[in-house]
PDB file of all heavy atoms in Angstrom:
ATOM      1  N   LEU A   1       7.202  -9.754   0.573  1.00  0.00           N
ATOM      2  CA  LEU A   1       7.805 -10.942   1.184  1.00  0.00           C
ATOM      3  C   LEU A   1       9.328 -10.901   1.084  1.00  0.00           C
ATOM      4  O   LEU A   1      10.032 -11.364   1.978  1.00  0.00           O
ATOM      5  CB  LEU A   1       7.277 -12.203   0.492  1.00  0.00           C
ATOM      6  CG  LEU A   1       5.790 -12.513   0.690  1.00  0.00           C
ATOM      7  CD1 LEU A   1       5.374 -13.666  -0.207  1.00  0.00           C
ATOM      8  CD2 LEU A   1       5.496 -12.850   2.147  1.00  0.00           C
ATOM      9  N   TYR A   2       9.819 -10.325   0.002  1.00  0.00           N
ATOM     10  CA  TYR A   2      11.250 -10.287  -0.260  1.00  0.00           C
ATOM     11  C   TYR A   2      11.973  -9.382   0.730  1.00  0.00           C
ATOM     12  O   TYR A   2      13.052  -9.714   1.221  1.00  0.00           O
ATOM     13  CB  TYR A   2      11.485  -9.825  -1.691  1.00  0.00           C
ATOM     14  CG  TYR A   2      12.929  -9.778  -2.109  1.00  0.00           C
ATOM     15  CD1 TYR A   2      13.635 -10.942  -2.347  1.00  0.00           C
ATOM     16  CD2 TYR A   2      13.580  -8.559  -2.266  1.00  0.00           C
ATOM     17  CE1 TYR A   2      14.961 -10.903  -2.731  1.00  0.00           C
ATOM     18  CE2 TYR A   2      14.912  -8.513  -2.650  1.00  0.00           C
ATOM     19  CZ  TYR A   2      15.594  -9.686  -2.877  1.00  0.00           C
ATOM     20  OH  TYR A   2      16.902  -9.640  -3.263  1.00  0.00           O
ATOM     21  N   TYR A   3      11.373  -8.241   1.070  1.00  0.00           N
ATOM     22  CA  TYR A   3      12.070  -7.261   1.892  1.00  0.00           C
ATOM     23  C   TYR A   3      11.717  -7.325   3.380  1.00  0.00           C
ATOM     24  O   TYR A   3      12.438  -6.772   4.204  1.00  0.00           O
ATOM     25  CB  TYR A   3      11.798  -5.847   1.367  1.00  0.00           C
ATOM     26  CG  TYR A   3      12.567  -5.547   0.105  1.00  0.00           C
ATOM     27  CD1 TYR A   3      11.930  -5.492  -1.127  1.00  0.00           C
ATOM     28  CD2 TYR A   3      13.947  -5.346   0.138  1.00  0.00           C
ATOM     29  CE1 TYR A   3      12.643  -5.240  -2.294  1.00  0.00           C
ATOM     30  CE2 TYR A   3      14.663  -5.101  -1.023  1.00  0.00           C
ATOM     31  CZ  TYR A   3      14.000  -5.036  -2.227  1.00  0.00           C
ATOM     32  OH  TYR A   3      14.702  -4.803  -3.378  1.00  0.00           O
ATOM     33  N   ALA A   4      10.607  -7.962   3.737  1.00  0.00           N
ATOM     34  CA  ALA A   4      10.208  -8.034   5.143  1.00  0.00           C
ATOM     35  C   ALA A   4      10.755  -9.298   5.795  1.00  0.00           C
ATOM     36  O   ALA A   4      10.900 -10.335   5.147  1.00  0.00           O
ATOM     37  CB  ALA A   4       8.692  -7.989   5.255  1.00  0.00           C
ATOM     38  N   ASP A   5      11.059  -9.213   7.078  1.00  0.00           N
ATOM     39  CA  ASP A   5      11.525 -10.386   7.820  1.00  0.00           C
ATOM     40  C   ASP A   5      10.451 -11.467   7.825  1.00  0.00           C
ATOM     41  O   ASP A   5       9.246 -11.168   7.810  1.00  0.00           O
ATOM     42  CB  ASP A   5      11.871 -10.003   9.258  1.00  0.00           C
ATOM     43  CG  ASP A   5      13.099  -9.106   9.334  1.00  0.00           C
ATOM     44  OD1 ASP A   5      13.928  -9.192   8.411  1.00  0.00           O
ATOM     45  OD2 ASP A   5      13.213  -8.326  10.293  1.00  0.00           O
ATOM     46  N   ALA A   6      10.900 -12.724   7.870  1.00  0.00           N
ATOM     47  CA  ALA A   6       9.974 -13.853   7.734  1.00  0.00           C
ATOM     48  C   ALA A   6       8.914 -13.885   8.829  1.00  0.00           C
ATOM     49  O   ALA A   6       7.801 -14.366   8.603  1.00  0.00           O
ATOM     50  CB  ALA A   6      10.765 -15.162   7.729  1.00  0.00           C
ATOM     51  N   GLU A   7       9.236 -13.378  10.008  1.00  0.00           N
ATOM     52  CA  GLU A   7       8.264 -13.440  11.109  1.00  0.00           C
ATOM     53  C   GLU A   7       7.256 -12.294  11.073  1.00  0.00           C
ATOM     54  O   GLU A   7       6.287 -12.290  11.841  1.00  0.00           O
ATOM     55  CB  GLU A   7       8.988 -13.433  12.466  1.00  0.00           C
ATOM     56  CG  GLU A   7       9.745 -12.157  12.781  1.00  0.00           C
ATOM     57  CD  GLU A   7      11.160 -12.162  12.232  1.00  0.00           C
ATOM     58  OE1 GLU A   7      11.482 -13.067  11.432  1.00  0.00           O
ATOM     59  OE2 GLU A   7      11.947 -11.270  12.617  1.00  0.00           O
ATOM     60  N   LYS A   8       7.472 -11.325  10.169  1.00  0.00           N
ATOM     61  CA  LYS A   8       6.568 -10.178  10.083  1.00  0.00           C
ATOM     62  C   LYS A   8       5.427 -10.472   9.098  1.00  0.00           C
ATOM     63  O   LYS A   8       5.659 -10.994   8.016  1.00  0.00           O
ATOM     64  CB  LYS A   8       7.336  -8.938   9.629  1.00  0.00           C
ATOM     65  CG  LYS A   8       8.484  -8.545  10.550  1.00  0.00           C
ATOM     66  CD  LYS A   8       7.978  -8.052  11.883  1.00  0.00           C
ATOM     67  CE  LYS A   8       9.122  -7.654  12.791  1.00  0.00           C
ATOM     68  NZ  LYS A   8       9.896  -6.509  12.254  1.00  0.00           N
ATOM     69  N   PRO A   9       4.181 -10.118   9.470  1.00  0.00           N
ATOM     70  CA  PRO A   9       3.039 -10.385   8.567  1.00  0.00           C
ATOM     71  C   PRO A   9       2.987  -9.404   7.401  1.00  0.00           C
ATOM     72  O   PRO A   9       3.534  -8.303   7.453  1.00  0.00           O
ATOM     73  CB  PRO A   9       1.828 -10.214   9.483  1.00  0.00           C
ATOM     74  CG  PRO A   9       2.285  -9.220  10.506  1.00  0.00           C
ATOM     75  CD  PRO A   9       3.753  -9.510  10.740  1.00  0.00           C
ATOM     76  N   ILE A  10       2.297  -9.814   6.341  1.00  0.00           N
ATOM     77  CA  ILE A  10       2.009  -8.974   5.186  1.00  0.00           C
ATOM     78  C   ILE A  10       0.491  -8.748   5.161  1.00  0.00           C
ATOM     79  O   ILE A  10      -0.283  -9.704   5.273  1.00  0.00           O
ATOM     80  CB  ILE A  10       2.449  -9.646   3.870  1.00  0.00           C
ATOM     81  CG1 ILE A  10       3.933 -10.041   3.934  1.00  0.00           C
ATOM     82  CG2 ILE A  10       2.180  -8.730   2.688  1.00  0.00           C
ATOM     83  CD1 ILE A  10       4.874  -8.895   4.106  1.00  0.00           C
ATOM     84  N   ASP A  11       0.068  -7.501   5.020  1.00  0.00           N
ATOM     85  CA  ASP A  11      -1.363  -7.181   5.007  1.00  0.00           C
ATOM     86  C   ASP A  11      -1.791  -6.755   3.603  1.00  0.00           C
ATOM     87  O   ASP A  11      -1.170  -5.866   3.005  1.00  0.00           O
ATOM     88  CB  ASP A  11      -1.675  -6.049   5.989  1.00  0.00           C
ATOM     89  CG  ASP A  11      -1.448  -6.467   7.435  1.00  0.00           C
ATOM     90  OD1 ASP A  11      -1.496  -7.676   7.714  1.00  0.00           O
ATOM     91  OD2 ASP A  11      -1.232  -5.577   8.280  1.00  0.00           O
ATOM     92  N   ILE A  12      -2.859  -7.384   3.107  1.00  0.00           N
ATOM     93  CA  ILE A  12      -3.432  -7.023   1.804  1.00  0.00           C
ATOM     94  C   ILE A  12      -4.847  -6.521   2.026  1.00  0.00           C
ATOM     95  O   ILE A  12      -5.656  -7.196   2.677  1.00  0.00           O
ATOM     96  CB  ILE A  12      -3.439  -8.213   0.821  1.00  0.00           C
ATOM     97  CG1 ILE A  12      -2.010  -8.583   0.402  1.00  0.00           C
ATOM     98  CG2 ILE A  12      -4.215  -7.876  -0.438  1.00  0.00           C
ATOM     99  CD1 ILE A  12      -1.362  -9.613   1.247  1.00  0.00           C
ATOM    100  N   ARG A  13      -5.156  -5.342   1.495  1.00  0.00           N
ATOM    101  CA  ARG A  13      -6.465  -4.743   1.674  1.00  0.00           C
ATOM    102  C   ARG A  13      -7.098  -4.396   0.326  1.00  0.00           C
ATOM    103  O   ARG A  13      -6.397  -4.038  -0.615  1.00  0.00           O
ATOM    104  CB  ARG A  13      -6.381  -3.448   2.501  1.00  0.00           C
ATOM    105  CG  ARG A  13      -5.844  -3.604   3.900  1.00  0.00           C
ATOM    106  CD  ARG A  13      -5.954  -2.278   4.635  1.00  0.00           C
ATOM    107  NE  ARG A  13      -7.350  -1.874   4.754  1.00  0.00           N
ATOM    108  CZ  ARG A  13      -8.130  -2.198   5.783  1.00  0.00           C
ATOM    109  NH1 ARG A  13      -7.646  -2.934   6.772  1.00  0.00           N
ATOM    110  NH2 ARG A  13      -9.390  -1.801   5.819  1.00  0.00           N
ATOM    111  N   LEU A  14      -8.415  -4.512   0.290  1.00  0.00           N
ATOM    112  CA  LEU A  14      -9.204  -4.006  -0.833  1.00  0.00           C
ATOM    113  C   LEU A  14     -10.250  -3.064  -0.256  1.00  0.00           C
ATOM    114  O   LEU A  14     -11.093  -3.476   0.548  1.00  0.00           O
ATOM    115  CB  LEU A  14      -9.870  -5.149  -1.600  1.00  0.00           C
ATOM    116  CG  LEU A  14     -10.916  -4.742  -2.633  1.00  0.00           C
ATOM    117  CD1 LEU A  14     -10.318  -3.818  -3.694  1.00  0.00           C
ATOM    118  CD2 LEU A  14     -11.528  -5.970  -3.296  1.00  0.00           C
ATOM    119  N   ASP A  15     -10.172  -1.801  -0.644  1.00  0.00           N
ATOM    120  CA  ASP A  15     -11.115  -0.797  -0.153  1.00  0.00           C
ATOM    121  C   ASP A  15     -11.857  -0.163  -1.324  1.00  0.00           C
ATOM    122  O   ASP A  15     -11.291   0.006  -2.421  1.00  0.00           O
ATOM    123  CB  ASP A  15     -10.382   0.301   0.625  1.00  0.00           C
ATOM    124  CG  ASP A  15      -9.731  -0.239   1.892  1.00  0.00           C
ATOM    125  OD1 ASP A  15     -10.460  -0.758   2.744  1.00  0.00           O
ATOM    126  OD2 ASP A  15      -8.482  -0.148   2.013  1.00  0.00           O
ATOM    127  N   VAL A  16     -13.098   0.194  -1.089  1.00  0.00           N
ATOM    128  CA  VAL A  16     -13.898   0.932  -2.063  1.00  0.00           C
ATOM    129  C   VAL A  16     -13.945   2.386  -1.607  1.00  0.00           C
ATOM    130  O   VAL A  16     -14.371   2.681  -0.488  1.00  0.00           O
ATOM    131  CB  VAL A  16     -15.315   0.354  -2.176  1.00  0.00           C
ATOM    132  CG1 VAL A  16     -16.161   1.202  -3.119  1.00  0.00           C
ATOM    133  CG2 VAL A  16     -15.259  -1.090  -2.658  1.00  0.00           C
ATOM    134  N   ILE A  17     -13.480   3.297  -2.478  1.00  0.00           N
ATOM    135  CA  ILE A  17     -13.307   4.692  -2.099  1.00  0.00           C
ATOM    136  C   ILE A  17     -14.125   5.591  -3.024  1.00  0.00           C
ATOM    137  O   ILE A  17     -14.119   5.403  -4.255  1.00  0.00           O
ATOM    138  CB  ILE A  17     -11.816   5.088  -2.142  1.00  0.00           C
ATOM    139  CG1 ILE A  17     -11.015   4.197  -1.183  1.00  0.00           C
ATOM    140  CG2 ILE A  17     -11.625   6.557  -1.799  1.00  0.00           C
ATOM    141  CD1 ILE A  17      -9.530   4.415  -1.225  1.00  0.00           C
ATOM    142  N   GLN A  18     -14.799   6.570  -2.411  1.00  0.00           N
ATOM    143  CA  GLN A  18     -15.578   7.550  -3.164  1.00  0.00           C
ATOM    144  C   GLN A  18     -14.675   8.700  -3.577  1.00  0.00           C
ATOM    145  O   GLN A  18     -13.932   9.246  -2.767  1.00  0.00           O
ATOM    146  CB  GLN A  18     -16.723   8.081  -2.304  1.00  0.00           C
ATOM    147  CG  GLN A  18     -17.615   9.089  -2.992  1.00  0.00           C
ATOM    148  CD  GLN A  18     -18.520   8.452  -4.024  1.00  0.00           C
ATOM    149  OE1 GLN A  18     -19.077   7.379  -3.793  1.00  0.00           O
ATOM    150  NE2 GLN A  18     -18.661   9.092  -5.167  1.00  0.00           N
ATOM    151  N   SER A  19     -14.716   9.056  -4.850  1.00  0.00           N
ATOM    152  CA  SER A  19     -13.898  10.164  -5.347  1.00  0.00           C
ATOM    153  C   SER A  19     -14.366  11.482  -4.747  1.00  0.00           C
ATOM    154  O   SER A  19     -15.567  11.724  -4.606  1.00  0.00           O
ATOM    155  CB  SER A  19     -13.972  10.231  -6.879  1.00  0.00           C
ATOM    156  OG  SER A  19     -13.320  11.391  -7.343  1.00  0.00           O
ATOM    157  N   GLU A  20     -13.419  12.351  -4.366  1.00  0.00           N
ATOM    158  CA  GLU A  20     -13.752  13.659  -3.827  1.00  0.00           C
ATOM    159  C   GLU A  20     -14.115  14.649  -4.928  1.00  0.00           C
ATOM    160  O   GLU A  20     -14.755  15.674  -4.670  1.00  0.00           O
ATOM    161  CB  GLU A  20     -12.570  14.204  -3.012  1.00  0.00           C
ATOM    162  CG  GLU A  20     -12.235  13.359  -1.793  1.00  0.00           C
ATOM    163  CD  GLU A  20     -11.058  13.916  -1.025  1.00  0.00           C
ATOM    164  OE1 GLU A  20     -10.486  14.936  -1.473  1.00  0.00           O
ATOM    165  OE2 GLU A  20     -10.713  13.352   0.037  1.00  0.00           O
ATOM    166  N   GLN A  21     -13.702  14.377  -6.177  1.00  0.00           N
ATOM    167  CA  GLN A  21     -13.954  15.298  -7.284  1.00  0.00           C
ATOM    168  C   GLN A  21     -15.335  15.095  -7.925  1.00  0.00           C
ATOM    169  O   GLN A  21     -15.959  16.034  -8.397  1.00  0.00           O
ATOM    170  CB  GLN A  21     -12.872  15.157  -8.366  1.00  0.00           C
ATOM    171  CG  GLN A  21     -11.538  15.789  -8.000  1.00  0.00           C
ATOM    172  CD  GLN A  21     -10.761  14.970  -6.980  1.00  0.00           C
ATOM    173  OE1 GLN A  21     -10.886  13.751  -6.933  1.00  0.00           O
ATOM    174  NE2 GLN A  21      -9.956  15.643  -6.172  1.00  0.00           N
ATOM    175  N   ASP A  22     -15.791  13.848  -7.958  1.00  0.00           N
ATOM    176  CA  ASP A  22     -17.071  13.577  -8.601  1.00  0.00           C
ATOM    177  C   ASP A  22     -17.767  12.428  -7.876  1.00  0.00           C
ATOM    178  O   ASP A  22     -17.396  12.062  -6.767  1.00  0.00           O
ATOM    179  CB  ASP A  22     -16.872  13.239 -10.088  1.00  0.00           C
ATOM    180  CG  ASP A  22     -15.808  12.167 -10.289  1.00  0.00           C
ATOM    181  OD1 ASP A  22     -15.820  11.189  -9.518  1.00  0.00           O
ATOM    182  OD2 ASP A  22     -14.986  12.305 -11.210  1.00  0.00           O
ATOM    183  N   THR A  23     -18.769  11.874  -8.504  1.00  0.00           N
ATOM    184  CA  THR A  23     -19.547  10.806  -7.859  1.00  0.00           C
ATOM    185  C   THR A  23     -19.013   9.415  -8.148  1.00  0.00           C
ATOM    186  O   THR A  23     -19.617   8.424  -7.738  1.00  0.00           O
ATOM    187  CB  THR A  23     -21.009  10.884  -8.348  1.00  0.00           C
ATOM    188  OG1 THR A  23     -21.021  10.738  -9.784  1.00  0.00           O
ATOM    189  CG2 THR A  23     -21.651  12.209  -7.956  1.00  0.00           C
ATOM    190  N   SER A  24     -17.903   9.322  -8.846  1.00  0.00           N
ATOM    191  CA  SER A  24     -17.359   8.007  -9.206  1.00  0.00           C
ATOM    192  C   SER A  24     -16.714   7.343  -7.993  1.00  0.00           C
ATOM    193  O   SER A  24     -16.319   8.002  -7.022  1.00  0.00           O
ATOM    194  CB  SER A  24     -16.335   8.158 -10.329  1.00  0.00           C
ATOM    195  OG  SER A  24     -15.233   8.935  -9.890  1.00  0.00           O
ATOM    196  N   THR A  25     -16.639   6.043  -8.066  1.00  0.00           N
ATOM    197  CA  THR A  25     -15.957   5.265  -7.026  1.00  0.00           C
ATOM    198  C   THR A  25     -14.845   4.452  -7.663  1.00  0.00           C
ATOM    199  O   THR A  25     -14.867   4.155  -8.851  1.00  0.00           O
ATOM    200  CB  THR A  25     -16.938   4.308  -6.316  1.00  0.00           C
ATOM    201  OG1 THR A  25     -17.541   3.446  -7.287  1.00  0.00           O
ATOM    202  CG2 THR A  25     -18.017   5.080  -5.576  1.00  0.00           C
ATOM    203  N   TYR A  26     -13.861   4.118  -6.845  1.00  0.00           N
ATOM    204  CA  TYR A  26     -12.764   3.307  -7.356  1.00  0.00           C
ATOM    205  C   TYR A  26     -12.306   2.336  -6.279  1.00  0.00           C
ATOM    206  O   TYR A  26     -12.538   2.544  -5.079  1.00  0.00           O
ATOM    207  CB  TYR A  26     -11.609   4.177  -7.851  1.00  0.00           C
ATOM    208  CG  TYR A  26     -11.006   5.097  -6.811  1.00  0.00           C
ATOM    209  CD1 TYR A  26      -9.924   4.689  -6.034  1.00  0.00           C
ATOM    210  CD2 TYR A  26     -11.508   6.379  -6.613  1.00  0.00           C
ATOM    211  CE1 TYR A  26      -9.363   5.536  -5.093  1.00  0.00           C
ATOM    212  CE2 TYR A  26     -10.955   7.231  -5.675  1.00  0.00           C
ATOM    213  CZ  TYR A  26      -9.881   6.806  -4.917  1.00  0.00           C
ATOM    214  OH  TYR A  26      -9.325   7.638  -3.978  1.00  0.00           O
ATOM    215  N   ALA A  27     -11.686   1.275  -6.721  1.00  0.00           N
ATOM    216  CA  ALA A  27     -11.140   0.266  -5.816  1.00  0.00           C
ATOM    217  C   ALA A  27      -9.663   0.555  -5.575  1.00  0.00           C
ATOM    218  O   ALA A  27      -8.939   0.923  -6.499  1.00  0.00           O
ATOM    219  CB  ALA A  27     -11.305  -1.123  -6.423  1.00  0.00           C
ATOM    220  N   CYS A  28      -9.248   0.398  -4.329  1.00  0.00           N
ATOM    221  CA  CYS A  28      -7.840   0.570  -3.972  1.00  0.00           C
ATOM    222  C   CYS A  28      -7.327  -0.719  -3.346  1.00  0.00           C
ATOM    223  O   CYS A  28      -7.843  -1.167  -2.313  1.00  0.00           O
ATOM    224  CB  CYS A  28      -7.660   1.732  -3.007  1.00  0.00           C
ATOM    225  SG  CYS A  28      -5.922   2.028  -2.534  1.00  0.00           S
ATOM    226  N   VAL A  29      -6.349  -1.333  -3.996  1.00  0.00           N
ATOM    227  CA  VAL A  29      -5.716  -2.546  -3.477  1.00  0.00           C
ATOM    228  C   VAL A  29      -4.348  -2.152  -2.924  1.00  0.00           C
ATOM    229  O   VAL A  29      -3.566  -1.492  -3.615  1.00  0.00           O
ATOM    230  CB  VAL A  29      -5.547  -3.611  -4.578  1.00  0.00           C
ATOM    231  CG1 VAL A  29      -4.885  -4.862  -4.014  1.00  0.00           C
ATOM    232  CG2 VAL A  29      -6.895  -3.955  -5.191  1.00  0.00           C
ATOM    233  N   SER A  30      -4.062  -2.537  -1.693  1.00  0.00           N
ATOM    234  CA  SER A  30      -2.797  -2.155  -1.063  1.00  0.00           C
ATOM    235  C   SER A  30      -2.130  -3.362  -0.419  1.00  0.00           C
ATOM    236  O   SER A  30      -2.806  -4.285   0.045  1.00  0.00           O
ATOM    237  CB  SER A  30      -3.007  -1.060  -0.013  1.00  0.00           C
ATOM    238  OG  SER A  30      -3.863  -1.518   1.021  1.00  0.00           O
ATOM    239  N   VAL A  31      -0.808  -3.336  -0.409  1.00  0.00           N
ATOM    240  CA  VAL A  31       0.006  -4.395   0.206  1.00  0.00           C
ATOM    241  C   VAL A  31       0.971  -3.718   1.169  1.00  0.00           C
ATOM    242  O   VAL A  31       1.794  -2.893   0.754  1.00  0.00           O
ATOM    243  CB  VAL A  31       0.777  -5.207  -0.845  1.00  0.00           C
ATOM    244  CG1 VAL A  31       1.658  -6.255  -0.165  1.00  0.00           C
ATOM    245  CG2 VAL A  31      -0.178  -5.867  -1.827  1.00  0.00           C
ATOM    246  N   THR A  32       0.875  -4.058   2.443  1.00  0.00           N
ATOM    247  CA  THR A  32       1.685  -3.415   3.488  1.00  0.00           C
ATOM    248  C   THR A  32       2.662  -4.417   4.088  1.00  0.00           C
ATOM    249  O   THR A  32       2.271  -5.523   4.469  1.00  0.00           O
ATOM    250  CB  THR A  32       0.786  -2.847   4.593  1.00  0.00           C
ATOM    251  OG1 THR A  32      -0.124  -1.906   4.024  1.00  0.00           O
ATOM    252  CG2 THR A  32       1.619  -2.161   5.671  1.00  0.00           C
ATOM    253  N   ASP A  33       3.926  -4.026   4.161  1.00  0.00           N
ATOM    254  CA  ASP A  33       4.941  -4.862   4.804  1.00  0.00           C
ATOM    255  C   ASP A  33       5.547  -4.087   5.972  1.00  0.00           C
ATOM    256  O   ASP A  33       5.314  -2.889   6.137  1.00  0.00           O
ATOM    257  CB  ASP A  33       6.036  -5.270   3.817  1.00  0.00           C
ATOM    258  CG  ASP A  33       6.819  -4.088   3.283  1.00  0.00           C
ATOM    259  OD1 ASP A  33       7.495  -3.405   4.076  1.00  0.00           O
ATOM    260  OD2 ASP A  33       6.787  -3.844   2.055  1.00  0.00           O
ATOM    261  N   GLN A  34       6.321  -4.787   6.780  1.00  0.00           N
ATOM    262  CA  GLN A  34       7.042  -4.172   7.892  1.00  0.00           C
ATOM    263  C   GLN A  34       8.543  -4.267   7.647  1.00  0.00           C
ATOM    264  O   GLN A  34       9.323  -4.592   8.530  1.00  0.00           O
ATOM    265  CB  GLN A  34       6.654  -4.836   9.208  1.00  0.00           C
ATOM    266  CG  GLN A  34       5.173  -4.702   9.543  1.00  0.00           C
ATOM    267  CD  GLN A  34       4.810  -5.342  10.854  1.00  0.00           C
ATOM    268  OE1 GLN A  34       5.563  -5.283  11.832  1.00  0.00           O
ATOM    269  NE2 GLN A  34       3.635  -5.969  10.906  1.00  0.00           N
ATOM    270  N   GLY A  35       8.928  -3.962   6.409  1.00  0.00           N
ATOM    271  CA  GLY A  35      10.326  -4.015   6.013  1.00  0.00           C
ATOM    272  C   GLY A  35      11.070  -2.739   6.351  1.00  0.00           C
ATOM    273  O   GLY A  35      10.654  -1.961   7.215  1.00  0.00           O
ATOM    274  N   PRO A  36      12.189  -2.477   5.664  1.00  0.00           N
ATOM    275  CA  PRO A  36      13.063  -1.349   6.006  1.00  0.00           C
ATOM    276  C   PRO A  36      12.496   0.014   5.635  1.00  0.00           C
ATOM    277  O   PRO A  36      12.986   1.034   6.108  1.00  0.00           O
ATOM    278  CB  PRO A  36      14.334  -1.632   5.204  1.00  0.00           C
ATOM    279  CG  PRO A  36      13.874  -2.467   4.051  1.00  0.00           C
ATOM    280  CD  PRO A  36      12.756  -3.308   4.588  1.00  0.00           C
ATOM    281  N   GLY A  37      11.461   0.059   4.797  1.00  0.00           N
ATOM    282  CA  GLY A  37      10.887   1.336   4.407  1.00  0.00           C
ATOM    283  C   GLY A  37      11.713   2.054   3.347  1.00  0.00           C
ATOM    284  O   GLY A  37      12.803   1.622   2.980  1.00  0.00           O
ATOM    285  N   LEU A  38      11.170   3.172   2.872  1.00  0.00           N
ATOM    286  CA  LEU A  38      11.794   3.912   1.780  1.00  0.00           C
ATOM    287  C   LEU A  38      11.828   5.403   2.104  1.00  0.00           C
ATOM    288  O   LEU A  38      10.882   5.941   2.685  1.00  0.00           O
ATOM    289  CB  LEU A  38      11.001   3.715   0.482  1.00  0.00           C
ATOM    290  CG  LEU A  38      10.918   2.298  -0.090  1.00  0.00           C
ATOM    291  CD1 LEU A  38       9.785   2.220  -1.100  1.00  0.00           C
ATOM    292  CD2 LEU A  38      12.232   1.904  -0.739  1.00  0.00           C
ATOM    293  N   SER A  39      12.898   6.060   1.694  1.00  0.00           N
ATOM    294  CA  SER A  39      12.973   7.509   1.814  1.00  0.00           C
ATOM    295  C   SER A  39      12.081   8.141   0.747  1.00  0.00           C
ATOM    296  O   SER A  39      11.630   7.471  -0.193  1.00  0.00           O
ATOM    297  CB  SER A  39      14.413   7.979   1.638  1.00  0.00           C
ATOM    298  OG  SER A  39      14.846   7.754   0.297  1.00  0.00           O
ATOM    299  N   SER A  40      11.840   9.441   0.867  1.00  0.00           N
ATOM    300  CA  SER A  40      10.994  10.130  -0.115  1.00  0.00           C
ATOM    301  C   SER A  40      11.613  10.080  -1.509  1.00  0.00           C
ATOM    302  O   SER A  40      10.902   9.961  -2.510  1.00  0.00           O
ATOM    303  CB  SER A  40      10.770  11.575   0.317  1.00  0.00           C
ATOM    304  OG  SER A  40      12.016  12.250   0.477  1.00  0.00           O
ATOM    305  N   ILE A  41      12.941  10.158  -1.589  1.00  0.00           N
ATOM    306  CA  ILE A  41      13.621  10.084  -2.888  1.00  0.00           C
ATOM    307  C   ILE A  41      13.461   8.688  -3.488  1.00  0.00           C
ATOM    308  O   ILE A  41      13.158   8.534  -4.672  1.00  0.00           O
ATOM    309  CB  ILE A  41      15.111  10.438  -2.740  1.00  0.00           C
ATOM    310  CG1 ILE A  41      15.258  11.901  -2.301  1.00  0.00           C
ATOM    311  CG2 ILE A  41      15.860  10.201  -4.049  1.00  0.00           C
ATOM    312  CD1 ILE A  41      16.691  12.320  -2.050  1.00  0.00           C
ATOM    313  N   GLU A  42      13.640   7.659  -2.662  1.00  0.00           N
ATOM    314  CA  GLU A  42      13.498   6.284  -3.144  1.00  0.00           C
ATOM    315  C   GLU A  42      12.076   6.017  -3.640  1.00  0.00           C
ATOM    316  O   GLU A  42      11.876   5.290  -4.609  1.00  0.00           O
ATOM    317  CB  GLU A  42      13.839   5.296  -2.028  1.00  0.00           C
ATOM    318  CG  GLU A  42      15.297   5.285  -1.618  1.00  0.00           C
ATOM    319  CD  GLU A  42      16.138   4.536  -2.622  1.00  0.00           C
ATOM    320  OE1 GLU A  42      15.974   3.331  -2.747  1.00  0.00           O
ATOM    321  OE2 GLU A  42      16.947   5.192  -3.291  1.00  0.00           O
ATOM    322  N   GLN A  43      11.079   6.625  -2.974  1.00  0.00           N
ATOM    323  CA  GLN A  43       9.693   6.404  -3.369  1.00  0.00           C
ATOM    324  C   GLN A  43       9.423   6.895  -4.782  1.00  0.00           C
ATOM    325  O   GLN A  43       8.534   6.380  -5.467  1.00  0.00           O
ATOM    326  CB  GLN A  43       8.761   7.107  -2.383  1.00  0.00           C
ATOM    327  CG  GLN A  43       8.751   6.464  -0.999  1.00  0.00           C
ATOM    328  CD  GLN A  43       7.889   7.221  -0.012  1.00  0.00           C
ATOM    329  OE1 GLN A  43       6.769   7.624  -0.340  1.00  0.00           O
ATOM    330  NE2 GLN A  43       8.397   7.437   1.183  1.00  0.00           N
ATOM    331  N   GLN A  44      10.182   7.874  -5.226  1.00  0.00           N
ATOM    332  CA  GLN A  44      10.046   8.351  -6.602  1.00  0.00           C
ATOM    333  C   GLN A  44      10.816   7.469  -7.577  1.00  0.00           C
ATOM    334  O   GLN A  44      10.356   7.176  -8.684  1.00  0.00           O
ATOM    335  CB  GLN A  44      10.549   9.796  -6.695  1.00  0.00           C
ATOM    336  CG  GLN A  44       9.771  10.774  -5.831  1.00  0.00           C
ATOM    337  CD  GLN A  44       8.311  10.891  -6.236  1.00  0.00           C
ATOM    338  OE1 GLN A  44       7.994  10.894  -7.433  1.00  0.00           O
ATOM    339  NE2 GLN A  44       7.421  10.981  -5.258  1.00  0.00           N
ATOM    340  N   ARG A  45      11.992   7.005  -7.169  1.00  0.00           N
ATOM    341  CA  ARG A  45      12.876   6.300  -8.089  1.00  0.00           C
ATOM    342  C   ARG A  45      12.460   4.864  -8.375  1.00  0.00           C
ATOM    343  O   ARG A  45      12.739   4.326  -9.446  1.00  0.00           O
ATOM    344  CB  ARG A  45      14.307   6.285  -7.520  1.00  0.00           C
ATOM    345  CG  ARG A  45      14.970   7.641  -7.485  1.00  0.00           C
ATOM    346  CD  ARG A  45      16.382   7.507  -6.936  1.00  0.00           C
ATOM    347  NE  ARG A  45      17.112   8.765  -7.028  1.00  0.00           N
ATOM    348  CZ  ARG A  45      18.380   8.923  -6.634  1.00  0.00           C
ATOM    349  NH1 ARG A  45      19.027   7.891  -6.127  1.00  0.00           N
ATOM    350  NH2 ARG A  45      18.971  10.085  -6.754  1.00  0.00           N
TER     351      ARG A  45
END
C-alpha cells in the first residue's frame, strides 16, 4: 500500500504447492502490488 499508487489494486493469494523434491506440501502466501518494482540488486538488499 505504501509504494503503490492509491488507484492500483493489491492482490493477496494463498496457494497450496506440492514440493518437487518430496511428497510434502507447503502454503505460499503472496502480496502483489503495481508499484515501481525492484532491480535484481535491490531484491537482495
